[in-house]
Amino acid sequence: MASAGFEESADLGAVRAKYGVPDPMAGCHTILATGEVIEGNSPAAAMRKLLADRPMINGISLPGMPAGSLGMSGEKTEPFVFYVIQDGTLRAFVTE
């Protein structure tokens, strides 16, 4: 991720609390990018869409550690759904 221009946070709990990331939306990584939080094994394409569109949300999440996602073993068996982190309401941001 660093080579794609993103910086990963070391203090996940504090960042998640500050940006309102509910526990079910937590991933194995938390990344801050120009004021948005990005949770989970999100590929750079989803992050770039967030930064290009600049929706009025706190960030996005690919919860858990789905097989076949960035850095995870196994094969991708279904589309990944990236969810909006905003007000606790579960809604899709993008599906890849």
Protein backbone atom coordinates (compact mmCIF):
# COMPACT_ATOMS: atom_id res chain seq x y z
CA MET A 1 0.00 0.00 0.00
CA ALA A 2 2.86 2.35 0.73
CA SER A 3 4.01 2.06 -2.88
CA ALA A 4 0.50 3.16 -3.96
CA GLY A 5 0.78 6.31 -1.83
CA PHE A 6 -1.24 5.20 1.23
CA GLU A 7 -0.09 5.14 4.85
CA GLU A 8 -1.24 2.50 7.32
CA SER A 9 -1.95 3.53 10.94
CA ALA A 10 -0.31 1.76 13.87
CA ASP A 11 -2.96 2.75 16.49
CA LEU A 12 -6.04 1.04 15.10
CA GLY A 13 -8.30 1.44 18.14
CA ALA A 14 -7.85 5.21 18.38
CA VAL A 15 -8.32 5.74 14.65
CA ARG A 16 -11.43 3.55 14.54
CA ALA A 17 -12.96 5.43 17.49
CA LYS A 18 -12.16 8.83 15.98
CA TYR A 19 -13.69 7.95 12.59
CA GLY A 20 -16.71 6.07 13.94
CA VAL A 21 -15.83 2.62 12.66
CA PRO A 22 -18.27 0.16 14.27
CA ASP A 23 -16.83 -3.21 15.34
CA PRO A 24 -18.59 -5.20 12.56
CA MET A 25 -16.96 -2.93 9.96
CA ALA A 26 -13.44 -3.34 11.35
CA GLY A 27 -10.87 -5.01 9.16
CA CYS A 28 -7.35 -6.25 9.69
CA HIS A 29 -5.90 -2.92 8.50
CA THR A 30 -6.86 0.70 9.00
CA ILE A 31 -5.62 3.33 6.57
CA LEU A 32 -6.07 7.10 6.68
CA ALA A 33 -6.12 8.94 3.38
CA THR A 34 -6.82 12.69 3.30
CA GLY A 35 -9.38 12.54 6.10
CA GLU A 36 -11.09 9.27 5.19
CA VAL A 37 -10.63 5.96 6.93
CA ILE A 38 -10.25 2.79 4.88
CA GLU A 39 -10.78 -0.52 6.66
CA GLY A 40 -9.69 -3.97 5.61
CA ASN A 41 -7.87 -5.43 2.65
CA SER A 42 -9.14 -2.80 0.23
CA PRO A 43 -7.41 -2.68 -3.16
CA ALA A 44 -5.99 0.62 -4.36
CA ALA A 45 -8.77 0.92 -6.99
CA ALA A 46 -11.49 1.15 -4.31
CA MET A 47 -9.42 3.67 -2.37
CA ARG A 48 -8.82 5.79 -5.45
CA LYS A 49 -12.57 5.81 -6.19
CA LEU A 50 -13.22 7.05 -2.64
CA LEU A 51 -10.65 9.80 -3.00
CA ALA A 52 -11.78 10.78 -6.50
CA ASP A 53 -15.51 10.87 -5.68
CA ARG A 54 -15.04 12.48 -2.24
CA PRO A 55 -18.50 11.50 -0.94
CA MET A 56 -19.61 12.96 2.39
CA ILE A 57 -18.74 9.84 4.39
CA ASN A 58 -16.14 8.90 6.98
CA GLY A 59 -14.67 6.14 4.82
CA ILE A 60 -15.13 2.63 3.45
CA SER A 61 -14.66 -0.92 4.70
CA LEU A 62 -14.16 -4.41 3.36
CA PRO A 63 -14.91 -6.12 6.70
CA GLY A 64 -13.13 -9.24 7.87
CA MET A 65 -10.41 -10.92 5.88
CA PRO A 66 -12.09 -12.40 2.79
CA ALA A 67 -10.19 -15.08 0.90
CA GLY A 68 -8.60 -13.75 -2.26
CA SER A 69 -8.49 -10.16 -1.05
CA LEU A 70 -5.24 -8.22 -1.05
CA GLY A 71 -2.69 -10.13 1.00
CA MET A 72 -5.02 -13.04 1.82
CA SER A 73 -4.60 -16.59 0.59
CA GLY A 74 -7.28 -18.49 -1.26
CA GLU A 75 -9.33 -17.56 -4.27
CA LYS A 76 -11.94 -14.86 -4.58
CA THR A 77 -15.26 -16.72 -4.82
CA GLU A 78 -17.70 -13.81 -4.88
CA PRO A 79 -17.64 -10.05 -5.43
CA PHE A 80 -16.20 -7.94 -2.63
CA VAL A 81 -18.64 -5.41 -1.21
CA PHE A 82 -17.06 -2.26 0.21
CA TYR A 83 -19.36 -0.62 2.73
CA VAL A 84 -19.78 3.03 3.66
CA ILE A 85 -18.60 4.07 7.13
CA GLN A 86 -20.86 6.92 8.13
CA ASP A 87 -23.78 6.60 10.51
CA GLY A 88 -23.94 2.92 11.41
CA THR A 89 -26.27 2.14 8.50
CA LEU A 90 -24.97 -0.71 6.35
CA ARG A 91 -24.92 0.32 2.68
CA ALA A 92 -22.66 -0.55 -0.22
CA PHE A 93 -20.13 1.93 -1.60
CA VAL A 94 -18.78 -0.21 -4.46
CA THR A 95 -18.71 -3.87 -5.43
CA GLU A 96 -15.66 -5.34 -7.15
